[in-house]
Amino acid sequence: MHTLKIVQVGNSLGVVLPKEALAELRAAKGDALYLTSAPDGMRLTPYSPKFAGQIEIARDVMRRRRHTLRTLAD
């Protein structure tokens, strides 16, 4: 568990993430992180839930339309 500190950043508030947390998230300066609701509170992740849903739809289309996509690739 990591304790985060809320700090003033200009007219906004920000959270300082320790190096260990960034390493676990595989995140660095300039990367986007996503804060989402979870059954037990909030979840901070480097993976976009919206993008993950789009990828799942694309995989489904590729699975169902394999022959069409193979024909188009030729």
PDB file of N, CA and C in Angstrom:
ATOM      1  N   MET A   1       0.841  -1.175   0.000  1.00  0.00           N
ATOM      2  CA  MET A   1       0.000   0.000   0.000  1.00  0.00           C
ATOM      3  C   MET A   1       0.885   1.237   0.000  1.00  0.00           C
ATOM      4  N   HIS A   2       0.479   2.239  -0.751  1.00  0.00           N
ATOM      5  CA  HIS A   2       1.211   3.498  -0.826  1.00  0.00           C
ATOM      6  C   HIS A   2       0.324   4.624  -0.304  1.00  0.00           C
ATOM      7  N   THR A   3       0.892   5.488   0.495  1.00  0.00           N
ATOM      8  CA  THR A   3       0.177   6.663   0.973  1.00  0.00           C
ATOM      9  C   THR A   3       0.461   7.807   0.011  1.00  0.00           C
ATOM     10  N   LEU A   4      -0.598   8.451  -0.467  1.00  0.00           N
ATOM     11  CA  LEU A   4      -0.453   9.560  -1.410  1.00  0.00           C
ATOM     12  C   LEU A   4      -0.749  10.868  -0.701  1.00  0.00           C
ATOM     13  N   LYS A   5      -0.030  11.911  -1.102  1.00  0.00           N
ATOM     14  CA  LYS A   5      -0.217  13.225  -0.507  1.00  0.00           C
ATOM     15  C   LYS A   5      -0.818  14.164  -1.551  1.00  0.00           C
ATOM     16  N   ILE A   6      -1.865  14.891  -1.163  1.00  0.00           N
ATOM     17  CA  ILE A   6      -2.491  15.870  -2.042  1.00  0.00           C
ATOM     18  C   ILE A   6      -1.757  17.195  -1.866  1.00  0.00           C
ATOM     19  N   VAL A   7      -1.331  17.781  -2.996  1.00  0.00           N
ATOM     20  CA  VAL A   7      -0.565  19.032  -2.959  1.00  0.00           C
ATOM     21  C   VAL A   7      -1.204  20.064  -3.895  1.00  0.00           C
ATOM     22  N   GLN A   8      -0.902  21.316  -3.642  1.00  0.00           N
ATOM     23  CA  GLN A   8      -1.372  22.413  -4.490  1.00  0.00           C
ATOM     24  C   GLN A   8      -0.503  22.466  -5.747  1.00  0.00           C
ATOM     25  N   VAL A   9      -1.144  22.511  -6.932  1.00  0.00           N
ATOM     26  CA  VAL A   9      -0.451  22.647  -8.209  1.00  0.00           C
ATOM     27  C   VAL A   9      -1.133  23.793  -8.935  1.00  0.00           C
ATOM     28  N   GLY A  10      -0.578  24.991  -8.828  1.00  0.00           N
ATOM     29  CA  GLY A  10      -1.236  26.166  -9.388  1.00  0.00           C
ATOM     30  C   GLY A  10      -2.556  26.391  -8.683  1.00  0.00           C
ATOM     31  N   ASN A  11      -3.643  26.470  -9.448  1.00  0.00           N
ATOM     32  CA  ASN A  11      -4.973  26.644  -8.871  1.00  0.00           C
ATOM     33  C   ASN A  11      -5.686  25.305  -8.663  1.00  0.00           C
ATOM     34  N   SER A  12      -4.989  24.209  -8.895  1.00  0.00           N
ATOM     35  CA  SER A  12      -5.580  22.870  -8.786  1.00  0.00           C
ATOM     36  C   SER A  12      -4.918  22.090  -7.669  1.00  0.00           C
ATOM     37  N   LEU A  13      -5.375  20.881  -7.487  1.00  0.00           N
ATOM     38  CA  LEU A  13      -4.765  19.954  -6.539  1.00  0.00           C
ATOM     39  C   LEU A  13      -4.215  18.774  -7.314  1.00  0.00           C
ATOM     40  N   GLY A  14      -3.140  18.191  -6.809  1.00  0.00           N
ATOM     41  CA  GLY A  14      -2.527  17.030  -7.453  1.00  0.00           C
ATOM     42  C   GLY A  14      -2.125  16.016  -6.406  1.00  0.00           C
ATOM     43  N   VAL A  15      -1.769  14.835  -6.876  1.00  0.00           N
ATOM     44  CA  VAL A  15      -1.330  13.750  -6.004  1.00  0.00           C
ATOM     45  C   VAL A  15       0.100  13.395  -6.392  1.00  0.00           C
ATOM     46  N   VAL A  16       0.956  13.248  -5.400  1.00  0.00           N
ATOM     47  CA  VAL A  16       2.345  12.857  -5.626  1.00  0.00           C
ATOM     48  C   VAL A  16       2.424  11.337  -5.521  1.00  0.00           C
ATOM     49  N   LEU A  17       2.926  10.700  -6.588  1.00  0.00           N
ATOM     50  CA  LEU A  17       3.063   9.248  -6.593  1.00  0.00           C
ATOM     51  C   LEU A  17       4.516   8.871  -6.297  1.00  0.00           C
ATOM     52  N   PRO A  18       4.748   7.969  -5.355  1.00  0.00           N
ATOM     53  CA  PRO A  18       6.109   7.536  -5.069  1.00  0.00           C
ATOM     54  C   PRO A  18       6.703   6.741  -6.236  1.00  0.00           C
ATOM     55  N   LYS A  19       8.029   6.707  -6.315  1.00  0.00           N
ATOM     56  CA  LYS A  19       8.710   5.990  -7.395  1.00  0.00           C
ATOM     57  C   LYS A  19       8.280   4.536  -7.474  1.00  0.00           C
ATOM     58  N   GLU A  20       8.090   3.916  -6.321  1.00  0.00           N
ATOM     59  CA  GLU A  20       7.699   2.508  -6.295  1.00  0.00           C
ATOM     60  C   GLU A  20       6.327   2.300  -6.947  1.00  0.00           C
ATOM     61  N   ALA A  21       5.402   3.221  -6.682  1.00  0.00           N
ATOM     62  CA  ALA A  21       4.066   3.126  -7.280  1.00  0.00           C
ATOM     63  C   ALA A  21       4.150   3.308  -8.787  1.00  0.00           C
ATOM     64  N   LEU A  22       4.960   4.265  -9.242  1.00  0.00           N
ATOM     65  CA  LEU A  22       5.133   4.476 -10.682  1.00  0.00           C
ATOM     66  C   LEU A  22       5.734   3.243 -11.342  1.00  0.00           C
ATOM     67  N   ALA A  23       6.685   2.616 -10.659  1.00  0.00           N
ATOM     68  CA  ALA A  23       7.298   1.404 -11.207  1.00  0.00           C
ATOM     69  C   ALA A  23       6.261   0.291 -11.338  1.00  0.00           C
ATOM     70  N   GLU A  24       5.409   0.122 -10.321  1.00  0.00           N
ATOM     71  CA  GLU A  24       4.361  -0.906 -10.376  1.00  0.00           C
ATOM     72  C   GLU A  24       3.358  -0.620 -11.484  1.00  0.00           C
ATOM     73  N   LEU A  25       3.058   0.659 -11.692  1.00  0.00           N
ATOM     74  CA  LEU A  25       2.122   1.060 -12.749  1.00  0.00           C
ATOM     75  C   LEU A  25       2.778   1.054 -14.129  1.00  0.00           C
ATOM     76  N   ARG A  26       4.110   0.958 -14.143  1.00  0.00           N
ATOM     77  CA  ARG A  26       4.898   1.086 -15.381  1.00  0.00           C
ATOM     78  C   ARG A  26       4.563   2.399 -16.069  1.00  0.00           C
ATOM     79  N   ALA A  27       4.542   3.463 -15.267  1.00  0.00           N
ATOM     80  CA  ALA A  27       4.201   4.791 -15.748  1.00  0.00           C
ATOM     81  C   ALA A  27       5.375   5.736 -15.530  1.00  0.00           C
ATOM     82  N   ALA A  28       5.437   6.773 -16.346  1.00  0.00           N
ATOM     83  CA  ALA A  28       6.496   7.770 -16.242  1.00  0.00           C
ATOM     84  C   ALA A  28       5.899   9.146 -16.521  1.00  0.00           C
ATOM     85  N   LYS A  29       6.710  10.154 -16.373  1.00  0.00           N
ATOM     86  CA  LYS A  29       6.276  11.535 -16.596  1.00  0.00           C
ATOM     87  C   LYS A  29       5.648  11.656 -17.983  1.00  0.00           C
ATOM     88  N   GLY A  30       4.474  12.270 -18.034  1.00  0.00           N
ATOM     89  CA  GLY A  30       3.778  12.482 -19.300  1.00  0.00           C
ATOM     90  C   GLY A  30       2.781  11.388 -19.661  1.00  0.00           C
ATOM     91  N   ASP A  31       2.840  10.237 -18.998  1.00  0.00           N
ATOM     92  CA  ASP A  31       1.885   9.154 -19.274  1.00  0.00           C
ATOM     93  C   ASP A  31       0.511   9.502 -18.706  1.00  0.00           C
ATOM     94  N   ALA A  32      -0.517   8.916 -19.288  1.00  0.00           N
ATOM     95  CA  ALA A  32      -1.875   9.099 -18.791  1.00  0.00           C
ATOM     96  C   ALA A  32      -2.215   7.953 -17.842  1.00  0.00           C
ATOM     97  N   LEU A  33      -2.855   8.277 -16.733  1.00  0.00           N
ATOM     98  CA  LEU A  33      -3.370   7.285 -15.799  1.00  0.00           C
ATOM     99  C   LEU A  33      -4.873   7.485 -15.696  1.00  0.00           C
ATOM    100  N   TYR A  34      -5.602   6.422 -15.430  1.00  0.00           N
ATOM    101  CA  TYR A  34      -7.053   6.475 -15.387  1.00  0.00           C
ATOM    102  C   TYR A  34      -7.536   6.105 -13.995  1.00  0.00           C
ATOM    103  N   LEU A  35      -8.363   6.961 -13.431  1.00  0.00           N
ATOM    104  CA  LEU A  35      -8.963   6.725 -12.125  1.00  0.00           C
ATOM    105  C   LEU A  35     -10.403   6.290 -12.364  1.00  0.00           C
ATOM    106  N   THR A  36     -10.713   5.049 -12.003  1.00  0.00           N
ATOM    107  CA  THR A  36     -12.040   4.499 -12.254  1.00  0.00           C
ATOM    108  C   THR A  36     -12.665   4.010 -10.954  1.00  0.00           C
ATOM    109  N   SER A  37     -13.983   3.925 -10.963  1.00  0.00           N
ATOM    110  CA  SER A  37     -14.698   3.388  -9.803  1.00  0.00           C
ATOM    111  C   SER A  37     -14.521   1.883  -9.762  1.00  0.00           C
ATOM    112  N   ALA A  38     -14.414   1.368  -8.555  1.00  0.00           N
ATOM    113  CA  ALA A  38     -14.299  -0.076  -8.341  1.00  0.00           C
ATOM    114  C   ALA A  38     -15.236  -0.439  -7.200  1.00  0.00           C
ATOM    115  N   PRO A  39     -15.607  -1.698  -7.089  1.00  0.00           N
ATOM    116  CA  PRO A  39     -16.530  -2.105  -6.017  1.00  0.00           C
ATOM    117  C   PRO A  39     -16.032  -1.739  -4.620  1.00  0.00           C
ATOM    118  N   ASP A  40     -14.716  -1.725  -4.445  1.00  0.00           N
ATOM    119  CA  ASP A  40     -14.160  -1.436  -3.124  1.00  0.00           C
ATOM    120  C   ASP A  40     -13.596  -0.023  -3.007  1.00  0.00           C
ATOM    121  N   GLY A  41     -13.886   0.855  -3.961  1.00  0.00           N
ATOM    122  CA  GLY A  41     -13.392   2.238  -3.901  1.00  0.00           C
ATOM    123  C   GLY A  41     -13.035   2.760  -5.277  1.00  0.00           C
ATOM    124  N   MET A  42     -11.778   3.182  -5.431  1.00  0.00           N
ATOM    125  CA  MET A  42     -11.297   3.715  -6.701  1.00  0.00           C
ATOM    126  C   MET A  42     -10.087   2.901  -7.155  1.00  0.00           C
ATOM    127  N   ARG A  43      -9.846   2.879  -8.464  1.00  0.00           N
ATOM    128  CA  ARG A  43      -8.724   2.145  -9.022  1.00  0.00           C
ATOM    129  C   ARG A  43      -7.929   3.077  -9.939  1.00  0.00           C
ATOM    130  N   LEU A  44      -6.618   3.106  -9.776  1.00  0.00           N
ATOM    131  CA  LEU A  44      -5.724   3.890 -10.616  1.00  0.00           C
ATOM    132  C   LEU A  44      -4.981   2.930 -11.523  1.00  0.00           C
ATOM    133  N   THR A  45      -5.105   3.120 -12.829  1.00  0.00           N
ATOM    134  CA  THR A  45      -4.512   2.195 -13.782  1.00  0.00           C
ATOM    135  C   THR A  45      -3.975   2.938 -15.004  1.00  0.00           C
ATOM    136  N   PRO A  46      -2.948   2.399 -15.647  1.00  0.00           N
ATOM    137  CA  PRO A  46      -2.457   3.018 -16.876  1.00  0.00           C
ATOM    138  C   PRO A  46      -3.261   2.584 -18.100  1.00  0.00           C
ATOM    139  N   TYR A  47      -4.220   1.679 -17.923  1.00  0.00           N
ATOM    140  CA  TYR A  47      -4.989   1.148 -19.036  1.00  0.00           C
ATOM    141  C   TYR A  47      -6.352   1.811 -19.121  1.00  0.00           C
ATOM    142  N   SER A  48      -6.683   2.291 -20.309  1.00  0.00           N
ATOM    143  CA  SER A  48      -7.957   2.967 -20.531  1.00  0.00           C
ATOM    144  C   SER A  48      -9.081   1.940 -20.664  1.00  0.00           C
ATOM    145  N   PRO A  49     -10.076   1.987 -19.784  1.00  0.00           N
ATOM    146  CA  PRO A  49     -11.198   1.054 -19.901  1.00  0.00           C
ATOM    147  C   PRO A  49     -11.947   1.220 -21.229  1.00  0.00           C
ATOM    148  N   LYS A  50     -12.060   2.442 -21.715  1.00  0.00           N
ATOM    149  CA  LYS A  50     -12.748   2.695 -22.983  1.00  0.00           C
ATOM    150  C   LYS A  50     -11.978   2.039 -24.128  1.00  0.00           C
ATOM    151  N   PHE A  51     -10.656   2.195 -24.139  1.00  0.00           N
ATOM    152  CA  PHE A  51      -9.834   1.608 -25.183  1.00  0.00           C
ATOM    153  C   PHE A  51      -9.887   0.083 -25.112  1.00  0.00           C
ATOM    154  N   ALA A  52      -9.878  -0.461 -23.904  1.00  0.00           N
ATOM    155  CA  ALA A  52      -9.959  -1.920 -23.734  1.00  0.00           C
ATOM    156  C   ALA A  52     -11.258  -2.454 -24.331  1.00  0.00           C
ATOM    157  N   GLY A  53     -12.351  -1.723 -24.145  1.00  0.00           N
ATOM    158  CA  GLY A  53     -13.626  -2.124 -24.738  1.00  0.00           C
ATOM    159  C   GLY A  53     -13.587  -2.080 -26.254  1.00  0.00           C
ATOM    160  N   GLN A  54     -12.937  -1.060 -26.812  1.00  0.00           N
ATOM    161  CA  GLN A  54     -12.810  -0.944 -28.262  1.00  0.00           C
ATOM    162  C   GLN A  54     -11.972  -2.088 -28.827  1.00  0.00           C
ATOM    163  N   ILE A  55     -10.915  -2.460 -28.126  1.00  0.00           N
ATOM    164  CA  ILE A  55     -10.068  -3.571 -28.568  1.00  0.00           C
ATOM    165  C   ILE A  55     -10.855  -4.873 -28.553  1.00  0.00           C
ATOM    166  N   GLU A  56     -11.677  -5.071 -27.539  1.00  0.00           N
ATOM    167  CA  GLU A  56     -12.490  -6.292 -27.457  1.00  0.00           C
ATOM    168  C   GLU A  56     -13.458  -6.369 -28.631  1.00  0.00           C
ATOM    169  N   ILE A  57     -14.054  -5.242 -29.012  1.00  0.00           N
ATOM    170  CA  ILE A  57     -14.952  -5.202 -30.174  1.00  0.00           C
ATOM    171  C   ILE A  57     -14.180  -5.532 -31.441  1.00  0.00           C
ATOM    172  N   ALA A  58     -12.979  -4.962 -31.591  1.00  0.00           N
ATOM    173  CA  ALA A  58     -12.147  -5.224 -32.770  1.00  0.00           C
ATOM    174  C   ALA A  58     -11.773  -6.705 -32.848  1.00  0.00           C
ATOM    175  N   ARG A  59     -11.434  -7.312 -31.719  1.00  0.00           N
ATOM    176  CA  ARG A  59     -11.094  -8.744 -31.714  1.00  0.00           C
ATOM    177  C   ARG A  59     -12.293  -9.587 -32.139  1.00  0.00           C
ATOM    178  N   ASP A  60     -13.470  -9.210 -31.684  1.00  0.00           N
ATOM    179  CA  ASP A  60     -14.683  -9.939 -32.058  1.00  0.00           C
ATOM    180  C   ASP A  60     -14.921  -9.844 -33.558  1.00  0.00           C
ATOM    181  N   VAL A  61     -14.772  -8.645 -34.126  1.00  0.00           N
ATOM    182  CA  VAL A  61     -14.953  -8.454 -35.572  1.00  0.00           C
ATOM    183  C   VAL A  61     -13.916  -9.271 -36.331  1.00  0.00           C
ATOM    184  N   MET A  62     -12.661  -9.234 -35.890  1.00  0.00           N
ATOM    185  CA  MET A  62     -11.602  -9.990 -36.572  1.00  0.00           C
ATOM    186  C   MET A  62     -11.871 -11.487 -36.512  1.00  0.00           C
ATOM    187  N   ARG A  63     -12.424 -11.963 -35.410  1.00  0.00           N
ATOM    188  CA  ARG A  63     -12.728 -13.380 -35.260  1.00  0.00           C
ATOM    189  C   ARG A  63     -13.874 -13.784 -36.196  1.00  0.00           C
ATOM    190  N   ARG A  64     -14.927 -12.957 -36.239  1.00  0.00           N
ATOM    191  CA  ARG A  64     -16.098 -13.295 -37.057  1.00  0.00           C
ATOM    192  C   ARG A  64     -15.873 -13.055 -38.549  1.00  0.00           C
ATOM    193  N   ARG A  65     -15.032 -12.104 -38.895  1.00  0.00           N
ATOM    194  CA  ARG A  65     -14.807 -11.717 -40.299  1.00  0.00           C
ATOM    195  C   ARG A  65     -13.403 -12.065 -40.779  1.00  0.00           C
ATOM    196  N   ARG A  66     -12.848 -13.148 -40.249  1.00  0.00           N
ATOM    197  CA  ARG A  66     -11.483 -13.550 -40.588  1.00  0.00           C
ATOM    198  C   ARG A  66     -11.292 -13.714 -42.090  1.00  0.00           C
ATOM    199  N   HIS A  67     -12.218 -14.411 -42.754  1.00  0.00           N
ATOM    200  CA  HIS A  67     -12.086 -14.652 -44.193  1.00  0.00           C
ATOM    201  C   HIS A  67     -12.110 -13.339 -44.974  1.00  0.00           C
ATOM    202  N   THR A  68     -13.018 -12.447 -44.648  1.00  0.00           N
ATOM    203  CA  THR A  68     -13.106 -11.152 -45.331  1.00  0.00           C
ATOM    204  C   THR A  68     -11.826 -10.351 -45.156  1.00  0.00           C
ATOM    205  N   LEU A  69     -11.311 -10.309 -43.934  1.00  0.00           N
ATOM    206  CA  LEU A  69     -10.089  -9.554 -43.694  1.00  0.00           C
ATOM    207  C   LEU A  69      -8.896 -10.167 -44.408  1.00  0.00           C
ATOM    208  N   ARG A  70      -8.846 -11.494 -44.470  1.00  0.00           N
ATOM    209  CA  ARG A  70      -7.757 -12.157 -45.178  1.00  0.00           C
ATOM    210  C   ARG A  70      -7.831 -11.845 -46.670  1.00  0.00           C
ATOM    211  N   THR A  71      -9.037 -11.823 -47.242  1.00  0.00           N
ATOM    212  CA  THR A  71      -9.228 -11.492 -48.650  1.00  0.00           C
ATOM    213  C   THR A  71      -8.804 -10.050 -48.922  1.00  0.00           C
ATOM    214  N   LEU A  72      -9.161  -9.139 -48.042  1.00  0.00           N
ATOM    215  CA  LEU A  72      -8.783  -7.729 -48.211  1.00  0.00           C
ATOM    216  C   LEU A  72      -7.275  -7.524 -48.102  1.00  0.00           C
ATOM    217  N   ALA A  73      -6.612  -8.369 -47.336  1.00  0.00           N
ATOM    218  CA  ALA A  73      -5.161  -8.223 -47.149  1.00  0.00           C
ATOM    219  C   ALA A  73      -4.380  -8.650 -48.369  1.00  0.00           C
ATOM    220  N   ASP A  74      -4.977  -9.482 -49.219  1.00  0.00           N
ATOM    221  CA  ASP A  74      -4.265  -9.982 -50.422  1.00  0.00           C
ATOM    222  C   ASP A  74      -4.148  -8.958 -51.471  1.00  0.00           C
TER     223      ASP A  74
END
